[in-house]
Amino acid sequence: MIVSTKAVVIHTIKYGDTSLIVKLYTQTDGIKSYLIKGAFSSKSKFKVAYFQPLTLLDIEASHNNKGTLNSLKEVRVHYHYQTIPTNIVKQTILMFLAEVLNSALIEEGNHETLFDYLNSALTWLDTHDKTSNFHLLFLLNLSKYLGFYPETKMNEASYFDLTEGKFSNNLSVGEVINNEDLKLFKSLLGTNFDSIEQLKLNSQIRQQLLTVLIHYYELHISGFKKPKSLPILKSIFE
């Protein structure tokens, strides 16, 4: 079946000497993987630069829907990043988020609302200067589309149960956060990207909150792998 869709690059693997396997999150069909033969050849119609992490694309592809690799017929960049290519902080954030998405997005299917979120969030990152807290809100918002966004009932309770994803006054439940961690976690709820920098987080608090969010993902996504780029991300905000 020939499909025309928007897509975002999640992960690439070199295959043999000249080819690539590219994992995309498509607007129409969710996660799809493609074999690009001869990608590193000078004669290739597809530039390797198209497949940098979290590049936003327009593609025409053949989807076989048989669980095997698909093929790309046409590729063009949907949105050209203006600031990310020359901003080391934004590049590091993108590298980190690509790892998170590679580990978290495992299901195929129609996930147009999730794609729209990725598209709008990444565009926001590229077009704004104050982005040091961006990845924190990105992770929290992403959990909404993955099915474990925090339940906000009883948000005045003394604890947040990370295992159940809801607030509680019961300390005997699963893994919980309280005190300063709880205060930081709650500060993200209801915040949007345009107001995220108003949270005034220093590097220690930012890392503390990131640790909570990563652990939240580990509890809710089977096989979720802590991103290898996490130490690099932390180091740029020290």
Protein backbone atom coordinates (compact mmCIF):
# COMPACT_ATOMS: atom_id res chain seq x y z
CA MET A 1 0.00 0.00 0.00
CA ILE A 2 1.36 3.42 -1.00
CA VAL A 3 1.04 6.00 1.76
CA SER A 4 1.82 9.73 1.81
CA THR A 5 2.33 11.00 5.34
CA LYS A 6 4.30 13.23 7.64
CA ALA A 7 6.87 11.49 9.82
CA VAL A 8 9.53 12.14 12.43
CA VAL A 9 12.86 10.30 12.52
CA ILE A 10 13.24 8.26 15.70
CA HIS A 11 16.33 6.08 15.14
CA THR A 12 18.72 4.91 12.42
CA ILE A 13 21.02 1.90 12.20
CA LYS A 14 23.70 1.38 9.58
CA TYR A 15 23.03 -1.80 7.62
CA GLY A 16 25.99 -3.29 5.82
CA ASP A 17 28.46 -0.87 4.27
CA THR A 18 26.11 1.46 2.43
CA SER A 19 22.55 1.05 3.69
CA LEU A 20 20.39 2.30 6.56
CA ILE A 21 17.47 0.99 8.54
CA VAL A 22 15.39 3.97 9.57
CA LYS A 23 12.71 3.97 12.25
CA LEU A 24 10.08 6.67 11.75
CA TYR A 25 6.99 7.66 13.64
CA THR A 26 4.40 8.35 10.97
CA GLN A 27 1.26 10.42 11.27
CA THR A 28 -0.88 7.74 9.61
CA ASP A 29 0.53 4.46 10.93
CA GLY A 30 2.66 5.09 14.00
CA ILE A 31 6.02 3.33 14.13
CA LYS A 32 7.37 2.04 10.81
CA SER A 33 10.86 0.87 9.85
CA TYR A 34 12.37 1.24 6.39
CA LEU A 35 15.37 -0.20 4.58
CA ILE A 36 17.22 2.41 2.51
CA LYS A 37 19.63 0.61 0.23
CA GLY A 38 22.76 2.49 -0.78
CA ALA A 39 22.00 5.43 1.50
CA PHE A 40 25.70 6.30 1.75
CA SER A 41 26.23 6.10 -2.00
CA SER A 42 26.69 9.35 -3.91
CA LYS A 43 23.97 8.11 -6.28
CA SER A 44 21.37 7.71 -3.55
CA LYS A 45 18.21 9.80 -4.00
CA PHE A 46 17.88 9.99 -0.19
CA LYS A 47 20.40 12.15 1.65
CA VAL A 48 21.64 10.69 4.94
CA ALA A 49 21.10 14.16 6.44
CA TYR A 50 17.36 13.62 6.08
CA PHE A 51 17.52 10.99 8.80
CA GLN A 52 19.08 12.87 11.69
CA PRO A 53 17.25 12.27 15.00
CA LEU A 54 13.83 13.95 15.17
CA THR A 55 13.95 15.47 11.70
CA LEU A 56 10.43 16.24 10.51
CA LEU A 57 9.72 14.74 7.09
CA ASP A 58 7.12 14.34 4.37
CA ILE A 59 7.35 10.85 2.90
CA GLU A 60 5.77 8.63 0.30
CA ALA A 61 6.25 5.00 1.27
CA SER A 62 5.19 1.48 0.51
CA HIS A 63 3.79 -0.13 3.67
CA ASN A 64 3.55 -3.89 3.51
CA ASN A 65 1.87 -4.31 6.92
CA LYS A 66 3.53 -7.71 7.33
CA GLY A 67 5.91 -6.85 10.14
CA THR A 68 8.88 -6.63 7.76
CA LEU A 69 10.87 -3.62 6.59
CA ASN A 70 9.06 -1.09 4.41
CA SER A 71 10.44 1.01 1.57
CA LEU A 72 10.56 4.75 0.93
CA LYS A 73 9.71 6.19 -2.47
CA GLU A 74 10.00 9.92 -1.81
CA VAL A 75 11.40 11.93 1.11
CA ARG A 76 11.61 15.67 1.73
CA VAL A 77 12.09 17.73 4.84
CA HIS A 78 8.76 18.96 6.17
CA TYR A 79 10.25 21.59 8.49
CA HIS A 80 13.82 22.86 8.31
CA TYR A 81 15.18 23.51 11.80
CA GLN A 82 16.58 27.03 12.03
CA THR A 83 18.33 27.16 15.42
CA ILE A 84 18.80 23.53 16.49
CA PRO A 85 21.69 22.73 14.07
CA THR A 86 23.87 25.45 15.63
CA ASN A 87 22.74 25.22 19.26
CA ILE A 88 24.56 22.56 21.29
CA VAL A 89 21.99 22.67 24.10
CA LYS A 90 19.08 22.07 21.76
CA GLN A 91 21.03 19.37 19.91
CA THR A 92 21.64 17.55 23.19
CA ILE A 93 17.98 17.82 24.16
CA LEU A 94 17.03 16.39 20.76
CA MET A 95 19.48 13.49 21.12
CA PHE A 96 18.08 12.69 24.57
CA LEU A 97 14.45 12.86 23.46
CA ALA A 98 15.14 10.66 20.44
CA GLU A 99 16.47 7.97 22.77
CA VAL A 100 13.39 8.27 24.99
CA LEU A 101 11.05 7.99 22.02
CA ASN A 102 12.97 5.05 20.56
CA SER A 103 12.44 3.17 23.81
CA ALA A 104 8.88 4.35 24.49
CA LEU A 105 7.18 4.19 21.07
CA ILE A 106 6.72 0.51 20.40
CA GLU A 107 3.22 0.12 19.01
CA GLU A 108 2.01 0.50 15.45
CA GLY A 109 -1.34 2.05 14.62
CA ASN A 110 -2.96 5.38 13.90
CA HIS A 111 -1.54 7.90 16.38
CA GLU A 112 -2.22 11.18 14.64
CA THR A 113 -2.66 13.12 17.88
CA LEU A 114 0.71 11.92 19.18
CA PHE A 115 2.41 12.86 15.93
CA ASP A 116 0.82 16.30 16.08
CA TYR A 117 2.18 16.72 19.61
CA LEU A 118 5.70 15.74 18.51
CA ASN A 119 5.50 18.07 15.52
CA SER A 120 4.31 21.09 17.51
CA ALA A 121 6.70 20.49 20.45
CA LEU A 122 9.78 20.12 18.26
CA THR A 123 8.85 23.20 16.25
CA TRP A 124 8.42 25.12 19.51
CA LEU A 125 11.89 24.04 20.66
CA ASP A 126 13.41 25.30 17.42
CA THR A 127 11.68 28.69 17.54
CA HIS A 128 12.24 29.65 21.19
CA ASP A 129 15.34 30.67 23.12
CA LYS A 130 14.50 29.78 26.72
CA THR A 131 14.42 26.00 26.56
CA SER A 132 16.32 24.67 29.58
CA ASN A 133 13.17 23.11 31.07
CA PHE A 134 11.68 21.98 27.77
CA HIS A 135 12.61 18.31 28.10
CA LEU A 136 10.91 18.05 31.50
CA LEU A 137 7.53 19.19 30.25
CA PHE A 138 7.99 17.23 27.02
CA LEU A 139 8.33 14.00 29.03
CA LEU A 140 5.36 14.75 31.24
CA ASN A 141 3.12 15.65 28.29
CA LEU A 142 4.30 12.61 26.33
CA SER A 143 3.02 10.34 29.11
CA LYS A 144 -0.49 11.52 28.25
CA TYR A 145 -0.27 9.92 24.81
CA LEU A 146 1.38 6.79 26.19
CA GLY A 147 -1.39 6.19 28.71
CA PHE A 148 0.09 7.08 32.09
CA TYR A 149 -0.31 10.83 32.54
CA PRO A 150 -0.77 11.59 36.25
CA GLU A 151 -4.32 11.53 37.52
CA THR A 152 -4.84 14.97 38.99
CA LYS A 153 -7.61 14.15 41.45
CA MET A 154 -6.53 14.61 45.07
CA ASN A 155 -3.57 16.73 43.95
CA GLU A 156 -3.45 18.23 47.43
CA ALA A 157 -2.54 14.82 48.86
CA SER A 158 0.78 14.26 50.62
CA TYR A 159 2.17 11.71 48.17
CA PHE A 160 2.23 10.86 44.50
CA ASP A 161 2.19 7.15 43.75
CA LEU A 162 4.54 6.70 40.79
CA THR A 163 3.41 3.11 40.28
CA GLU A 164 -0.29 3.95 39.99
CA GLY A 165 0.15 7.42 38.55
CA LYS A 166 -2.08 9.19 41.04
CA PHE A 167 -1.97 11.23 44.23
CA SER A 168 -2.52 9.55 47.56
CA ASN A 169 -2.43 10.12 51.31
CA ASN A 170 -1.40 6.52 51.84
CA LEU A 171 2.33 5.95 52.36
CA SER A 172 1.89 2.17 52.21
CA VAL A 173 1.12 2.16 48.47
CA GLY A 174 3.75 1.55 45.75
CA GLU A 175 6.72 3.80 45.02
CA VAL A 176 5.87 7.33 46.08
CA ILE A 177 7.38 10.79 46.05
CA ASN A 178 6.70 13.50 48.60
CA ASN A 179 8.07 16.72 50.04
CA GLU A 180 10.35 18.59 47.60
CA ASP A 181 10.11 15.99 44.82
CA LEU A 182 6.32 16.14 45.01
CA LYS A 183 6.32 19.94 44.93
CA LEU A 184 8.53 19.96 41.84
CA PHE A 185 6.46 17.29 40.10
CA LYS A 186 3.23 19.20 40.74
CA SER A 187 4.78 22.40 39.40
CA LEU A 188 4.83 20.87 35.91
CA LEU A 189 1.16 19.88 35.92
CA GLY A 190 -0.95 22.35 33.98
CA THR A 191 2.12 24.20 32.66
CA ASN A 192 2.56 24.84 28.94
CA PHE A 193 5.73 25.39 26.96
CA ASP A 194 5.26 29.16 26.79
CA SER A 195 5.31 29.45 30.58
CA ILE A 196 7.75 26.65 31.44
CA GLU A 197 10.70 28.96 32.11
CA GLN A 198 8.73 30.73 34.82
CA LEU A 199 9.46 27.73 37.04
CA LYS A 200 12.96 29.11 37.77
CA LEU A 201 14.65 25.75 38.29
CA ASN A 202 18.35 25.63 39.11
CA SER A 203 20.53 22.81 37.78
CA GLN A 204 20.21 20.66 40.90
CA ILE A 205 16.42 20.90 41.00
CA ARG A 206 16.20 20.31 37.25
CA GLN A 207 18.23 17.11 37.55
CA GLN A 208 16.20 16.02 40.56
CA LEU A 209 12.95 16.40 38.61
CA LEU A 210 14.40 14.68 35.55
CA THR A 211 15.40 11.69 37.71
CA VAL A 212 11.80 11.41 38.95
CA LEU A 213 10.39 11.57 35.42
CA ILE A 214 12.80 8.96 34.05
CA HIS A 215 11.92 6.62 36.89
CA TYR A 216 8.23 7.22 36.20
CA TYR A 217 8.82 6.03 32.63
CA GLU A 218 10.74 2.99 33.83
CA LEU A 219 7.80 1.98 36.00
CA HIS A 220 5.21 2.33 33.23
CA ILE A 221 6.96 1.13 30.07
CA SER A 222 8.14 -2.45 30.02
CA GLY A 223 11.74 -2.63 28.86
CA PHE A 224 12.25 1.12 28.91
CA LYS A 225 15.97 1.88 28.78
CA LYS A 226 17.50 4.83 30.54
CA PRO A 227 18.94 7.04 27.75
CA LYS A 228 22.71 6.80 27.32
CA SER A 229 22.77 10.53 26.65
CA LEU A 230 21.33 11.31 30.10
CA PRO A 231 24.74 12.21 31.64
CA ILE A 232 25.48 14.51 28.70
CA LEU A 233 22.12 16.23 29.07
CA LYS A 234 22.72 16.73 32.76
CA SER A 235 26.22 18.11 32.16
CA ILE A 236 25.05 20.91 29.83
CA PHE A 237 22.79 22.27 32.54
CA GLU A 238 25.33 22.19 35.38
